[in-house]
Amino acid sequence: MSYQLDSLSSRNRGVDVEHTGSIRAAPASPAQSGMAHEGDIAATRAAVNEALGKSGKDTSIPWENPSTGARGTITPLSSAYTQDGATCRDFLASYVRDGSESWMQGEACRGRQGAWEVRHMKPWRRT
């Protein structure tokens, strides 16, 4: 089977036909998009567990992933609350890598074994 590729502009029965397409934008850096390398996510989750496990709500816990050079902090934002029968807390996470910094806001709840499990994180937008 063979396919013929036309030029970007061709004539079809006397009518100009324009072929157009789109080019995907280059992916944003992890810090810009709020998406991180898996190792960075694991380091962040460990810091969330440590930060939320402490009783003080204003205690920031630093985290770092030496393999990617990423680092940041986790800061609890509120006292614990109950949601769907689980104890939960909100937190703010900073993410610094390759000279860029971004912030994520998240929610973590205590799992059955007592560890804090991140339910979601999304880019933090200042209001």
PDB file of N, CA and C in Angstrom:
ATOM      1  N   MET A   1       0.845  -1.153   0.000  1.00  0.00           N
ATOM      2  CA  MET A   1       0.000   0.000   0.000  1.00  0.00           C
ATOM      3  C   MET A   1       0.896   1.223   0.000  1.00  0.00           C
ATOM      4  N   SER A   2       0.534   2.237  -0.771  1.00  0.00           N
ATOM      5  CA  SER A   2       1.327   3.453  -0.793  1.00  0.00           C
ATOM      6  C   SER A   2       0.415   4.646  -0.607  1.00  0.00           C
ATOM      7  N   TYR A   3       0.981   5.699  -0.100  1.00  0.00           N
ATOM      8  CA  TYR A   3       0.243   6.933   0.140  1.00  0.00           C
ATOM      9  C   TYR A   3       0.931   8.061  -0.587  1.00  0.00           C
ATOM     10  N   GLN A   4       0.154   8.957  -1.134  1.00  0.00           N
ATOM     11  CA  GLN A   4       0.723  10.115  -1.792  1.00  0.00           C
ATOM     12  C   GLN A   4       0.503  11.316  -0.887  1.00  0.00           C
ATOM     13  N   LEU A   5       1.547  12.030  -0.649  1.00  0.00           N
ATOM     14  CA  LEU A   5       1.456  13.224   0.178  1.00  0.00           C
ATOM     15  C   LEU A   5       1.404  14.436  -0.725  1.00  0.00           C
ATOM     16  N   ASP A   6       0.392  15.258  -0.562  1.00  0.00           N
ATOM     17  CA  ASP A   6       0.268  16.489  -1.345  1.00  0.00           C
ATOM     18  C   ASP A   6       1.111  17.575  -0.727  1.00  0.00           C
ATOM     19  N   SER A   7       1.324  18.623  -1.475  1.00  0.00           N
ATOM     20  CA  SER A   7       2.015  19.785  -0.919  1.00  0.00           C
ATOM     21  C   SER A   7       1.076  20.472   0.058  1.00  0.00           C
ATOM     22  N   LEU A   8       1.584  21.432   0.793  1.00  0.00           N
ATOM     23  CA  LEU A   8       0.758  22.125   1.776  1.00  0.00           C
ATOM     24  C   LEU A   8      -0.379  22.894   1.129  1.00  0.00           C
ATOM     25  N   SER A   9      -0.221  23.312  -0.090  1.00  0.00           N
ATOM     26  CA  SER A   9      -1.296  23.991  -0.799  1.00  0.00           C
ATOM     27  C   SER A   9      -1.454  23.303  -2.147  1.00  0.00           C
ATOM     28  N   SER A  10      -2.655  22.853  -2.463  1.00  0.00           N
ATOM     29  CA  SER A  10      -2.862  22.169  -3.737  1.00  0.00           C
ATOM     30  C   SER A  10      -4.157  22.643  -4.371  1.00  0.00           C
ATOM     31  N   ARG A  11      -4.282  22.357  -5.651  1.00  0.00           N
ATOM     32  CA  ARG A  11      -5.504  22.723  -6.370  1.00  0.00           C
ATOM     33  C   ARG A  11      -6.400  21.490  -6.443  1.00  0.00           C
ATOM     34  N   ASN A  12      -7.672  21.667  -6.116  1.00  0.00           N
ATOM     35  CA  ASN A  12      -8.630  20.567  -6.168  1.00  0.00           C
ATOM     36  C   ASN A  12      -9.859  21.062  -6.912  1.00  0.00           C
ATOM     37  N   ARG A  13     -10.033  20.635  -8.153  1.00  0.00           N
ATOM     38  CA  ARG A  13     -11.177  21.032  -8.985  1.00  0.00           C
ATOM     39  C   ARG A  13     -11.290  22.542  -9.097  1.00  0.00           C
ATOM     40  N   GLY A  14     -10.172  23.224  -9.237  1.00  0.00           N
ATOM     41  CA  GLY A  14     -10.194  24.656  -9.452  1.00  0.00           C
ATOM     42  C   GLY A  14     -10.320  25.476  -8.187  1.00  0.00           C
ATOM     43  N   VAL A  15     -10.376  24.840  -7.033  1.00  0.00           N
ATOM     44  CA  VAL A  15     -10.522  25.560  -5.766  1.00  0.00           C
ATOM     45  C   VAL A  15      -9.225  25.407  -4.981  1.00  0.00           C
ATOM     46  N   ASP A  16      -8.732  26.502  -4.451  1.00  0.00           N
ATOM     47  CA  ASP A  16      -7.546  26.409  -3.600  1.00  0.00           C
ATOM     48  C   ASP A  16      -7.901  25.675  -2.320  1.00  0.00           C
ATOM     49  N   VAL A  17      -7.125  24.698  -1.986  1.00  0.00           N
ATOM     50  CA  VAL A  17      -7.335  23.947  -0.757  1.00  0.00           C
ATOM     51  C   VAL A  17      -6.108  24.167   0.115  1.00  0.00           C
ATOM     52  N   GLU A  18      -6.304  24.666   1.291  1.00  0.00           N
ATOM     53  CA  GLU A  18      -5.206  24.878   2.226  1.00  0.00           C
ATOM     54  C   GLU A  18      -5.183  23.745   3.223  1.00  0.00           C
ATOM     55  N   HIS A  19      -4.041  23.159   3.423  1.00  0.00           N
ATOM     56  CA  HIS A  19      -3.863  22.131   4.433  1.00  0.00           C
ATOM     57  C   HIS A  19      -3.218  22.794   5.635  1.00  0.00           C
ATOM     58  N   THR A  20      -3.856  22.672   6.732  1.00  0.00           N
ATOM     59  CA  THR A  20      -3.296  23.269   7.936  1.00  0.00           C
ATOM     60  C   THR A  20      -3.123  22.203   9.002  1.00  0.00           C
ATOM     61  N   GLY A  21      -2.353  22.520   9.948  1.00  0.00           N
ATOM     62  CA  GLY A  21      -2.124  21.620  11.072  1.00  0.00           C
ATOM     63  C   GLY A  21      -1.753  22.431  12.279  1.00  0.00           C
ATOM     64  N   SER A  22      -1.592  21.764  13.364  1.00  0.00           N
ATOM     65  CA  SER A  22      -1.176  22.472  14.562  1.00  0.00           C
ATOM     66  C   SER A  22       0.091  21.835  15.092  1.00  0.00           C
ATOM     67  N   ILE A  23       0.851  22.644  15.751  1.00  0.00           N
ATOM     68  CA  ILE A  23       2.085  22.181  16.356  1.00  0.00           C
ATOM     69  C   ILE A  23       1.907  22.298  17.852  1.00  0.00           C
ATOM     70  N   ARG A  24       2.189  21.219  18.545  1.00  0.00           N
ATOM     71  CA  ARG A  24       2.072  21.258  19.997  1.00  0.00           C
ATOM     72  C   ARG A  24       3.130  22.170  20.580  1.00  0.00           C
ATOM     73  N   ALA A  25       2.718  22.899  21.592  1.00  0.00           N
ATOM     74  CA  ALA A  25       3.683  23.740  22.299  1.00  0.00           C
ATOM     75  C   ALA A  25       4.664  22.840  23.032  1.00  0.00           C
ATOM     76  N   ALA A  26       5.859  23.324  23.189  1.00  0.00           N
ATOM     77  CA  ALA A  26       6.852  22.560  23.943  1.00  0.00           C
ATOM     78  C   ALA A  26       6.355  22.396  25.364  1.00  0.00           C
ATOM     79  N   PRO A  27       6.583  21.246  25.970  1.00  0.00           N
ATOM     80  CA  PRO A  27       6.112  21.057  27.336  1.00  0.00           C
ATOM     81  C   PRO A  27       6.798  22.026  28.280  1.00  0.00           C
ATOM     82  N   ALA A  28       6.047  22.494  29.247  1.00  0.00           N
ATOM     83  CA  ALA A  28       6.597  23.410  30.248  1.00  0.00           C
ATOM     84  C   ALA A  28       7.526  22.644  31.167  1.00  0.00           C
ATOM     85  N   SER A  29       8.413  23.369  31.793  1.00  0.00           N
ATOM     86  CA  SER A  29       9.292  22.716  32.753  1.00  0.00           C
ATOM     87  C   SER A  29       8.459  22.221  33.919  1.00  0.00           C
ATOM     88  N   PRO A  30       8.939  21.249  34.685  1.00  0.00           N
ATOM     89  CA  PRO A  30       8.158  20.748  35.815  1.00  0.00           C
ATOM     90  C   PRO A  30       7.742  21.852  36.766  1.00  0.00           C
ATOM     91  N   ALA A  31       8.614  22.816  37.022  1.00  0.00           N
ATOM     92  CA  ALA A  31       8.266  23.885  37.952  1.00  0.00           C
ATOM     93  C   ALA A  31       7.184  24.778  37.373  1.00  0.00           C
ATOM     94  N   GLN A  32       7.197  25.011  36.045  1.00  0.00           N
ATOM     95  CA  GLN A  32       6.183  25.862  35.435  1.00  0.00           C
ATOM     96  C   GLN A  32       4.833  25.184  35.388  1.00  0.00           C
ATOM     97  N   SER A  33       4.816  23.913  35.105  1.00  0.00           N
ATOM     98  CA  SER A  33       3.545  23.223  34.948  1.00  0.00           C
ATOM     99  C   SER A  33       3.001  22.678  36.254  1.00  0.00           C
ATOM    100  N   GLY A  34       3.827  22.691  37.294  1.00  0.00           N
ATOM    101  CA  GLY A  34       3.395  22.126  38.554  1.00  0.00           C
ATOM    102  C   GLY A  34       3.559  20.620  38.586  1.00  0.00           C
ATOM    103  N   MET A  35       4.037  20.041  37.507  1.00  0.00           N
ATOM    104  CA  MET A  35       4.252  18.605  37.451  1.00  0.00           C
ATOM    105  C   MET A  35       5.713  18.337  37.767  1.00  0.00           C
ATOM    106  N   ALA A  36       5.944  17.310  38.519  1.00  0.00           N
ATOM    107  CA  ALA A  36       7.294  17.028  38.966  1.00  0.00           C
ATOM    108  C   ALA A  36       7.745  15.640  38.541  1.00  0.00           C
ATOM    109  N   HIS A  37       9.015  15.417  38.591  1.00  0.00           N
ATOM    110  CA  HIS A  37       9.631  14.113  38.368  1.00  0.00           C
ATOM    111  C   HIS A  37       9.128  13.170  39.457  1.00  0.00           C
ATOM    112  N   GLU A  38       8.984  11.886  39.156  1.00  0.00           N
ATOM    113  CA  GLU A  38       8.449  10.926  40.138  1.00  0.00           C
ATOM    114  C   GLU A  38       9.226  10.922  41.443  1.00  0.00           C
ATOM    115  N   GLY A  39      10.553  11.028  41.358  1.00  0.00           N
ATOM    116  CA  GLY A  39      11.366  11.082  42.570  1.00  0.00           C
ATOM    117  C   GLY A  39      11.067  12.323  43.391  1.00  0.00           C
ATOM    118  N   ASP A  40      10.776  13.432  42.695  1.00  0.00           N
ATOM    119  CA  ASP A  40      10.419  14.669  43.396  1.00  0.00           C
ATOM    120  C   ASP A  40       9.089  14.497  44.113  1.00  0.00           C
ATOM    121  N   ILE A  41       8.155  13.822  43.459  1.00  0.00           N
ATOM    122  CA  ILE A  41       6.837  13.596  44.057  1.00  0.00           C
ATOM    123  C   ILE A  41       6.971  12.720  45.302  1.00  0.00           C
ATOM    124  N   ALA A  42       7.809  11.682  45.221  1.00  0.00           N
ATOM    125  CA  ALA A  42       8.013  10.801  46.377  1.00  0.00           C
ATOM    126  C   ALA A  42       8.621  11.579  47.545  1.00  0.00           C
ATOM    127  N   ALA A  43       9.599  12.439  47.264  1.00  0.00           N
ATOM    128  CA  ALA A  43      10.222  13.241  48.322  1.00  0.00           C
ATOM    129  C   ALA A  43       9.206  14.214  48.914  1.00  0.00           C
ATOM    130  N   THR A  44       8.359  14.779  48.076  1.00  0.00           N
ATOM    131  CA  THR A  44       7.325  15.708  48.543  1.00  0.00           C
ATOM    132  C   THR A  44       6.324  14.991  49.439  1.00  0.00           C
ATOM    133  N   ARG A  45       5.881  13.812  49.023  1.00  0.00           N
ATOM    134  CA  ARG A  45       4.910  13.046  49.819  1.00  0.00           C
ATOM    135  C   ARG A  45       5.478  12.669  51.188  1.00  0.00           C
ATOM    136  N   ALA A  46       6.759  12.310  51.223  1.00  0.00           N
ATOM    137  CA  ALA A  46       7.389  11.984  52.508  1.00  0.00           C
ATOM    138  C   ALA A  46       7.413  13.207  53.413  1.00  0.00           C
ATOM    139  N   ALA A  47       7.707  14.380  52.841  1.00  0.00           N
ATOM    140  CA  ALA A  47       7.727  15.611  53.630  1.00  0.00           C
ATOM    141  C   ALA A  47       6.320  15.995  54.090  1.00  0.00           C
ATOM    142  N   VAL A  48       5.303  15.740  53.274  1.00  0.00           N
ATOM    143  CA  VAL A  48       3.915  15.994  53.670  1.00  0.00           C
ATOM    144  C   VAL A  48       3.580  15.154  54.887  1.00  0.00           C
ATOM    145  N   ASN A  49       3.937  13.884  54.853  1.00  0.00           N
ATOM    146  CA  ASN A  49       3.652  12.987  55.973  1.00  0.00           C
ATOM    147  C   ASN A  49       4.320  13.495  57.245  1.00  0.00           C
ATOM    148  N   GLU A  50       5.560  13.943  57.124  1.00  0.00           N
ATOM    149  CA  GLU A  50       6.275  14.454  58.293  1.00  0.00           C
ATOM    150  C   GLU A  50       5.675  15.773  58.785  1.00  0.00           C
ATOM    151  N   ALA A  51       5.407  16.703  57.866  1.00  0.00           N
ATOM    152  CA  ALA A  51       4.891  18.022  58.257  1.00  0.00           C
ATOM    153  C   ALA A  51       3.520  17.924  58.907  1.00  0.00           C
ATOM    154  N   LEU A  52       2.635  17.118  58.345  1.00  0.00           N
ATOM    155  CA  LEU A  52       1.281  17.027  58.876  1.00  0.00           C
ATOM    156  C   LEU A  52       1.228  16.171  60.131  1.00  0.00           C
ATOM    157  N   GLY A  53       2.208  15.312  60.313  1.00  0.00           N
ATOM    158  CA  GLY A  53       2.270  14.489  61.514  1.00  0.00           C
ATOM    159  C   GLY A  53       2.677  15.275  62.747  1.00  0.00           C
ATOM    160  N   LYS A  54       3.274  16.433  62.535  1.00  0.00           N
ATOM    161  CA  LYS A  54       3.656  17.288  63.666  1.00  0.00           C
ATOM    162  C   LYS A  54       2.439  18.082  64.102  1.00  0.00           C
ATOM    163  N   SER A  55       2.386  18.418  65.363  1.00  0.00           N
ATOM    164  CA  SER A  55       1.199  19.100  65.888  1.00  0.00           C
ATOM    165  C   SER A  55       1.132  20.569  65.502  1.00  0.00           C
ATOM    166  N   GLY A  56       2.258  21.230  65.292  1.00  0.00           N
ATOM    167  CA  GLY A  56       2.241  22.656  64.966  1.00  0.00           C
ATOM    168  C   GLY A  56       1.763  22.897  63.552  1.00  0.00           C
ATOM    169  N   LYS A  57       0.847  23.837  63.383  1.00  0.00           N
ATOM    170  CA  LYS A  57       0.313  24.053  62.044  1.00  0.00           C
ATOM    171  C   LYS A  57       1.170  24.988  61.208  1.00  0.00           C
ATOM    172  N   ASP A  58       2.103  25.689  61.821  1.00  0.00           N
ATOM    173  CA  ASP A  58       2.920  26.647  61.087  1.00  0.00           C
ATOM    174  C   ASP A  58       4.347  26.157  60.863  1.00  0.00           C
ATOM    175  N   THR A  59       4.591  24.877  61.008  1.00  0.00           N
ATOM    176  CA  THR A  59       5.926  24.325  60.866  1.00  0.00           C
ATOM    177  C   THR A  59       6.154  23.888  59.424  1.00  0.00           C
ATOM    178  N   SER A  60       7.125  24.491  58.753  1.00  0.00           N
ATOM    179  CA  SER A  60       7.482  24.088  57.398  1.00  0.00           C
ATOM    180  C   SER A  60       8.552  23.010  57.454  1.00  0.00           C
ATOM    181  N   ILE A  61       8.433  22.029  56.597  1.00  0.00           N
ATOM    182  CA  ILE A  61       9.393  20.940  56.520  1.00  0.00           C
ATOM    183  C   ILE A  61      10.060  20.992  55.140  1.00  0.00           C
ATOM    184  N   PRO A  62      11.392  21.085  55.101  1.00  0.00           N
ATOM    185  CA  PRO A  62      12.056  21.098  53.795  1.00  0.00           C
ATOM    186  C   PRO A  62      12.134  19.695  53.193  1.00  0.00           C
ATOM    187  N   TRP A  63      12.210  19.612  51.887  1.00  0.00           N
ATOM    188  CA  TRP A  63      12.425  18.354  51.186  1.00  0.00           C
ATOM    189  C   TRP A  63      13.426  18.611  50.068  1.00  0.00           C
ATOM    190  N   GLU A  64      14.080  17.556  49.637  1.00  0.00           N
ATOM    191  CA  GLU A  64      15.063  17.681  48.569  1.00  0.00           C
ATOM    192  C   GLU A  64      15.219  16.348  47.852  1.00  0.00           C
ATOM    193  N   ASN A  65      15.417  16.399  46.549  1.00  0.00           N
ATOM    194  CA  ASN A  65      15.713  15.214  45.759  1.00  0.00           C
ATOM    195  C   ASN A  65      17.079  15.441  45.111  1.00  0.00           C
ATOM    196  N   PRO A  66      18.154  14.909  45.704  1.00  0.00           N
ATOM    197  CA  PRO A  66      19.493  15.139  45.165  1.00  0.00           C
ATOM    198  C   PRO A  66      19.674  14.652  43.722  1.00  0.00           C
ATOM    199  N   SER A  67      18.928  13.644  43.298  1.00  0.00           N
ATOM    200  CA  SER A  67      19.106  13.122  41.942  1.00  0.00           C
ATOM    201  C   SER A  67      18.607  14.086  40.866  1.00  0.00           C
ATOM    202  N   THR A  68      17.651  14.962  41.188  1.00  0.00           N
ATOM    203  CA  THR A  68      17.157  15.931  40.197  1.00  0.00           C
ATOM    204  C   THR A  68      17.538  17.365  40.542  1.00  0.00           C
ATOM    205  N   GLY A  69      17.988  17.580  41.765  1.00  0.00           N
ATOM    206  CA  GLY A  69      18.307  18.944  42.194  1.00  0.00           C
ATOM    207  C   GLY A  69      17.089  19.728  42.652  1.00  0.00           C
ATOM    208  N   ALA A  70      15.935  19.093  42.659  1.00  0.00           N
ATOM    209  CA  ALA A  70      14.706  19.772  43.085  1.00  0.00           C
ATOM    210  C   ALA A  70      14.655  19.831  44.606  1.00  0.00           C
ATOM    211  N   ARG A  71      13.993  20.869  45.098  1.00  0.00           N
ATOM    212  CA  ARG A  71      13.843  21.040  46.544  1.00  0.00           C
ATOM    213  C   ARG A  71      12.611  21.900  46.793  1.00  0.00           C
ATOM    214  N   GLY A  72      12.258  22.007  48.062  1.00  0.00           N
ATOM    215  CA  GLY A  72      11.120  22.847  48.421  1.00  0.00           C
ATOM    216  C   GLY A  72      10.773  22.682  49.877  1.00  0.00           C
ATOM    217  N   THR A  73       9.589  23.155  50.227  1.00  0.00           N
ATOM    218  CA  THR A  73       9.083  23.035  51.589  1.00  0.00           C
ATOM    219  C   THR A  73       7.622  22.633  51.549  1.00  0.00           C
ATOM    220  N   ILE A  74       7.174  22.048  52.662  1.00  0.00           N
ATOM    221  CA  ILE A  74       5.764  21.722  52.870  1.00  0.00           C
ATOM    222  C   ILE A  74       5.326  22.485  54.103  1.00  0.00           C
ATOM    223  N   THR A  75       4.251  23.245  53.989  1.00  0.00           N
ATOM    224  CA  THR A  75       3.730  24.026  55.113  1.00  0.00           C
ATOM    225  C   THR A  75       2.250  23.725  55.300  1.00  0.00           C
ATOM    226  N   PRO A  76       1.870  23.174  56.460  1.00  0.00           N
ATOM    227  CA  PRO A  76       0.440  22.972  56.735  1.00  0.00           C
ATOM    228  C   PRO A  76      -0.277  24.323  56.750  1.00  0.00           C
ATOM    229  N   LEU A  77      -1.501  24.358  56.219  1.00  0.00           N
ATOM    230  CA  LEU A  77      -2.251  25.616  56.146  1.00  0.00           C
ATOM    231  C   LEU A  77      -3.364  25.721  57.174  1.00  0.00           C
ATOM    232  N   SER A  78      -3.849  24.624  57.670  1.00  0.00           N
ATOM    233  CA  SER A  78      -5.001  24.684  58.564  1.00  0.00           C
ATOM    234  C   SER A  78      -4.907  23.586  59.607  1.00  0.00           C
ATOM    235  N   SER A  79      -5.769  23.699  60.570  1.00  0.00           N
ATOM    236  CA  SER A  79      -5.895  22.619  61.542  1.00  0.00           C
ATOM    237  C   SER A  79      -6.602  21.457  60.870  1.00  0.00           C
ATOM    238  N   ALA A  80      -6.523  20.300  61.474  1.00  0.00           N
ATOM    239  CA  ALA A  80      -7.163  19.106  60.924  1.00  0.00           C
ATOM    240  C   ALA A  80      -8.679  19.275  60.888  1.00  0.00           C
ATOM    241  N   TYR A  81      -9.302  18.665  59.902  1.00  0.00           N
ATOM    242  CA  TYR A  81     -10.757  18.657  59.765  1.00  0.00           C
ATOM    243  C   TYR A  81     -11.170  17.271  59.292  1.00  0.00           C
ATOM    244  N   THR A  82     -12.459  16.972  59.399  1.00  0.00           N
ATOM    245  CA  THR A  82     -12.960  15.662  58.995  1.00  0.00           C
ATOM    246  C   THR A  82     -13.670  15.785  57.660  1.00  0.00           C
ATOM    247  N   GLN A  83     -13.326  14.875  56.732  1.00  0.00           N
ATOM    248  CA  GLN A  83     -13.967  14.840  55.428  1.00  0.00           C
ATOM    249  C   GLN A  83     -14.169  13.380  55.048  1.00  0.00           C
ATOM    250  N   ASP A  84     -15.396  13.007  54.752  1.00  0.00           N
ATOM    251  CA  ASP A  84     -15.733  11.621  54.397  1.00  0.00           C
ATOM    252  C   ASP A  84     -15.230  10.630  55.448  1.00  0.00           C
ATOM    253  N   GLY A  85     -15.292  11.026  56.716  1.00  0.00           N
ATOM    254  CA  GLY A  85     -14.896  10.154  57.811  1.00  0.00           C
ATOM    255  C   GLY A  85     -13.400  10.086  58.064  1.00  0.00           C
ATOM    256  N   ALA A  86     -12.605  10.819  57.306  1.00  0.00           N
ATOM    257  CA  ALA A  86     -11.150  10.804  57.479  1.00  0.00           C
ATOM    258  C   ALA A  86     -10.670  12.147  58.020  1.00  0.00           C
ATOM    259  N   THR A  87      -9.585  12.121  58.777  1.00  0.00           N
ATOM    260  CA  THR A  87      -8.947  13.344  59.253  1.00  0.00           C
ATOM    261  C   THR A  87      -8.070  13.877  58.132  1.00  0.00           C
ATOM    262  N   CYS A  88      -8.268  15.157  57.764  1.00  0.00           N
ATOM    263  CA  CYS A  88      -7.558  15.753  56.634  1.00  0.00           C
ATOM    264  C   CYS A  88      -6.936  17.086  57.027  1.00  0.00           C
ATOM    265  N   ARG A  89      -5.953  17.511  56.251  1.00  0.00           N
ATOM    266  CA  ARG A  89      -5.324  18.819  56.408  1.00  0.00           C
ATOM    267  C   ARG A  89      -4.927  19.338  55.036  1.00  0.00           C
ATOM    268  N   ASP A  90      -4.970  20.660  54.894  1.00  0.00           N
ATOM    269  CA  ASP A  90      -4.503  21.314  53.682  1.00  0.00           C
ATOM    270  C   ASP A  90      -3.054  21.737  53.888  1.00  0.00           C
ATOM    271  N   PHE A  91      -2.311  21.836  52.785  1.00  0.00           N
ATOM    272  CA  PHE A  91      -0.915  22.244  52.872  1.00  0.00           C
ATOM    273  C   PHE A  91      -0.515  23.010  51.620  1.00  0.00           C
ATOM    274  N   LEU A  92       0.592  23.714  51.727  1.00  0.00           N
ATOM    275  CA  LEU A  92       1.188  24.444  50.617  1.00  0.00           C
ATOM    276  C   LEU A  92       2.567  23.854  50.381  1.00  0.00           C
ATOM    277  N   ALA A  93       2.890  23.548  49.133  1.00  0.00           N
ATOM    278  CA  ALA A  93       4.187  22.951  48.797  1.00  0.00           C
ATOM    279  C   ALA A  93       4.919  23.851  47.814  1.00  0.00           C
ATOM    280  N   SER A  94       6.182  24.149  48.112  1.00  0.00           N
ATOM    281  CA  SER A  94       6.993  24.874  47.139  1.00  0.00           C
ATOM    282  C   SER A  94       7.810  23.858  46.357  1.00  0.00           C
ATOM    283  N   TYR A  95       8.122  24.208  45.118  1.00  0.00           N
ATOM    284  CA  TYR A  95       8.883  23.339  44.224  1.00  0.00           C
ATOM    285  C   TYR A  95       9.888  24.214  43.486  1.00  0.00           C
ATOM    286  N   VAL A  96      11.177  23.981  43.756  1.00  0.00           N
ATOM    287  CA  VAL A  96      12.241  24.773  43.149  1.00  0.00           C
ATOM    288  C   VAL A  96      13.142  23.829  42.365  1.00  0.00           C
ATOM    289  N   ARG A  97      13.305  24.144  41.072  1.00  0.00           N
ATOM    290  CA  ARG A  97      14.184  23.322  40.232  1.00  0.00           C
ATOM    291  C   ARG A  97      14.646  24.148  39.041  1.00  0.00           C
ATOM    292  N   ASP A  98      15.928  24.033  38.715  1.00  0.00           N
ATOM    293  CA  ASP A  98      16.511  24.730  37.567  1.00  0.00           C
ATOM    294  C   ASP A  98      16.219  26.224  37.579  1.00  0.00           C
ATOM    295  N   GLY A  99      16.261  26.831  38.746  1.00  0.00           N
ATOM    296  CA  GLY A  99      16.058  28.278  38.862  1.00  0.00           C
ATOM    297  C   GLY A  99      14.617  28.737  38.806  1.00  0.00           C
ATOM    298  N   SER A 100      13.669  27.818  38.667  1.00  0.00           N
ATOM    299  CA  SER A 100      12.250  28.174  38.644  1.00  0.00           C
ATOM    300  C   SER A 100      11.593  27.728  39.936  1.00  0.00           C
ATOM    301  N   GLU A 101      10.623  28.495  40.363  1.00  0.00           N
ATOM    302  CA  GLU A 101       9.890  28.167  41.583  1.00  0.00           C
ATOM    303  C   GLU A 101       8.406  28.160  41.287  1.00  0.00           C
ATOM    304  N   SER A 102       7.711  27.162  41.815  1.00  0.00           N
ATOM    305  CA  SER A 102       6.255  27.123  41.700  1.00  0.00           C
ATOM    306  C   SER A 102       5.688  26.680  43.036  1.00  0.00           C
ATOM    307  N   TRP A 103       4.399  26.873  43.185  1.00  0.00           N
ATOM    308  CA  TRP A 103       3.708  26.535  44.428  1.00  0.00           C
ATOM    309  C   TRP A 103       2.504  25.678  44.118  1.00  0.00           C
ATOM    310  N   MET A 104       2.283  24.693  44.979  1.00  0.00           N
ATOM    311  CA  MET A 104       1.145  23.806  44.845  1.00  0.00           C
ATOM    312  C   MET A 104       0.361  23.822  46.154  1.00  0.00           C
ATOM    313  N   GLN A 105      -0.959  23.769  46.063  1.00  0.00           N
ATOM    314  CA  GLN A 105      -1.798  23.633  47.240  1.00  0.00           C
ATOM    315  C   GLN A 105      -2.387  22.235  47.205  1.00  0.00           C
ATOM    316  N   GLY A 106      -2.389  21.573  48.356  1.00  0.00           N
ATOM    317  CA  GLY A 106      -2.877  20.207  48.376  1.00  0.00           C
ATOM    318  C   GLY A 106      -3.685  19.870  49.604  1.00  0.00           C
ATOM    319  N   GLU A 107      -4.209  18.663  49.574  1.00  0.00           N
ATOM    320  CA  GLU A 107      -4.970  18.123  50.691  1.00  0.00           C
ATOM    321  C   GLU A 107      -4.473  16.708  50.933  1.00  0.00           C
ATOM    322  N   ALA A 108      -4.255  16.385  52.198  1.00  0.00           N
ATOM    323  CA  ALA A 108      -3.855  15.028  52.573  1.00  0.00           C
ATOM    324  C   ALA A 108      -4.764  14.568  53.708  1.00  0.00           C
ATOM    325  N   CYS A 109      -5.036  13.273  53.710  1.00  0.00           N
ATOM    326  CA  CYS A 109      -5.876  12.685  54.750  1.00  0.00           C
ATOM    327  C   CYS A 109      -5.163  11.464  55.330  1.00  0.00           C
ATOM    328  N   ARG A 110      -5.474  11.163  56.581  1.00  0.00           N
ATOM    329  CA  ARG A 110      -4.865   9.995  57.226  1.00  0.00           C
ATOM    330  C   ARG A 110      -5.457   8.724  56.645  1.00  0.00           C
ATOM    331  N   GLY A 111      -4.566   7.819  56.270  1.00  0.00           N
ATOM    332  CA  GLY A 111      -4.989   6.518  55.760  1.00  0.00           C
ATOM    333  C   GLY A 111      -5.251   5.568  56.914  1.00  0.00           C
ATOM    334  N   ARG A 112      -5.600   4.370  56.590  1.00  0.00           N
ATOM    335  CA  ARG A 112      -5.930   3.365  57.611  1.00  0.00           C
ATOM    336  C   ARG A 112      -4.746   3.030  58.505  1.00  0.00           C
ATOM    337  N   GLN A 113      -3.521   3.082  57.974  1.00  0.00           N
ATOM    338  CA  GLN A 113      -2.345   2.790  58.791  1.00  0.00           C
ATOM    339  C   GLN A 113      -1.854   4.022  59.550  1.00  0.00           C
ATOM    340  N   GLY A 114      -2.541   5.147  59.414  1.00  0.00           N
ATOM    341  CA  GLY A 114      -2.184   6.352  60.149  1.00  0.00           C
ATOM    342  C   GLY A 114      -1.280   7.317  59.411  1.00  0.00           C
ATOM    343  N   ALA A 115      -0.760   6.917  58.248  1.00  0.00           N
ATOM    344  CA  ALA A 115       0.094   7.817  57.469  1.00  0.00           C
ATOM    345  C   ALA A 115      -0.778   8.806  56.689  1.00  0.00           C
ATOM    346  N   TRP A 116      -0.242   9.990  56.458  1.00  0.00           N
ATOM    347  CA  TRP A 116      -0.946  10.993  55.669  1.00  0.00           C
ATOM    348  C   TRP A 116      -0.780  10.657  54.192  1.00  0.00           C
ATOM    349  N   GLU A 117      -1.871  10.619  53.465  1.00  0.00           N
ATOM    350  CA  GLU A 117      -1.859  10.324  52.043  1.00  0.00           C
ATOM    351  C   GLU A 117      -2.352  11.545  51.280  1.00  0.00           C
ATOM    352  N   VAL A 118      -1.568  11.988  50.312  1.00  0.00           N
ATOM    353  CA  VAL A 118      -1.948  13.153  49.517  1.00  0.00           C
ATOM    354  C   VAL A 118      -3.121  12.770  48.622  1.00  0.00           C
ATOM    355  N   ARG A 119      -4.217  13.496  48.765  1.00  0.00           N
ATOM    356  CA  ARG A 119      -5.396  13.234  47.917  1.00  0.00           C
ATOM    357  C   ARG A 119      -5.306  14.000  46.614  1.00  0.00           C
ATOM    358  N   HIS A 120      -4.844  15.238  46.686  1.00  0.00           N
ATOM    359  CA  HIS A 120      -4.664  16.015  45.464  1.00  0.00           C
ATOM    360  C   HIS A 120      -3.717  17.182  45.707  1.00  0.00           C
ATOM    361  N   MET A 121      -3.091  17.612  44.632  1.00  0.00           N
ATOM    362  CA  MET A 121      -2.284  18.831  44.624  1.00  0.00           C
ATOM    363  C   MET A 121      -2.585  19.549  43.317  1.00  0.00           C
ATOM    364  N   LYS A 122      -2.714  20.852  43.391  1.00  0.00           N
ATOM    365  CA  LYS A 122      -2.962  21.639  42.199  1.00  0.00           C
ATOM    366  C   LYS A 122      -2.144  22.924  42.300  1.00  0.00           C
ATOM    367  N   PRO A 123      -1.889  23.565  41.162  1.00  0.00           N
ATOM    368  CA  PRO A 123      -1.139  24.807  41.209  1.00  0.00           C
ATOM    369  C   PRO A 123      -1.853  25.819  42.101  1.00  0.00           C
ATOM    370  N   TRP A 124      -1.075  26.486  42.925  1.00  0.00           N
ATOM    371  CA  TRP A 124      -1.619  27.483  43.832  1.00  0.00           C
ATOM    372  C   TRP A 124      -1.691  28.808  43.087  1.00  0.00           C
ATOM    373  N   ARG A 125      -2.827  29.433  43.147  1.00  0.00           N
ATOM    374  CA  ARG A 125      -3.026  30.736  42.502  1.00  0.00           C
ATOM    375  C   ARG A 125      -3.318  31.766  43.573  1.00  0.00           C
ATOM    376  N   ARG A 126      -2.532  32.793  43.551  1.00  0.00           N
ATOM    377  CA  ARG A 126      -2.748  33.875  44.530  1.00  0.00           C
ATOM    378  C   ARG A 126      -4.024  34.621  44.164  1.00  0.00           C
ATOM    379  N   THR A 127      -4.805  34.930  45.189  1.00  0.00           N
ATOM    380  CA  THR A 127      -6.066  35.638  44.926  1.00  0.00           C
ATOM    381  C   THR A 127      -5.987  37.056  45.398  1.00  0.00           C
TER     382      THR A 127
END
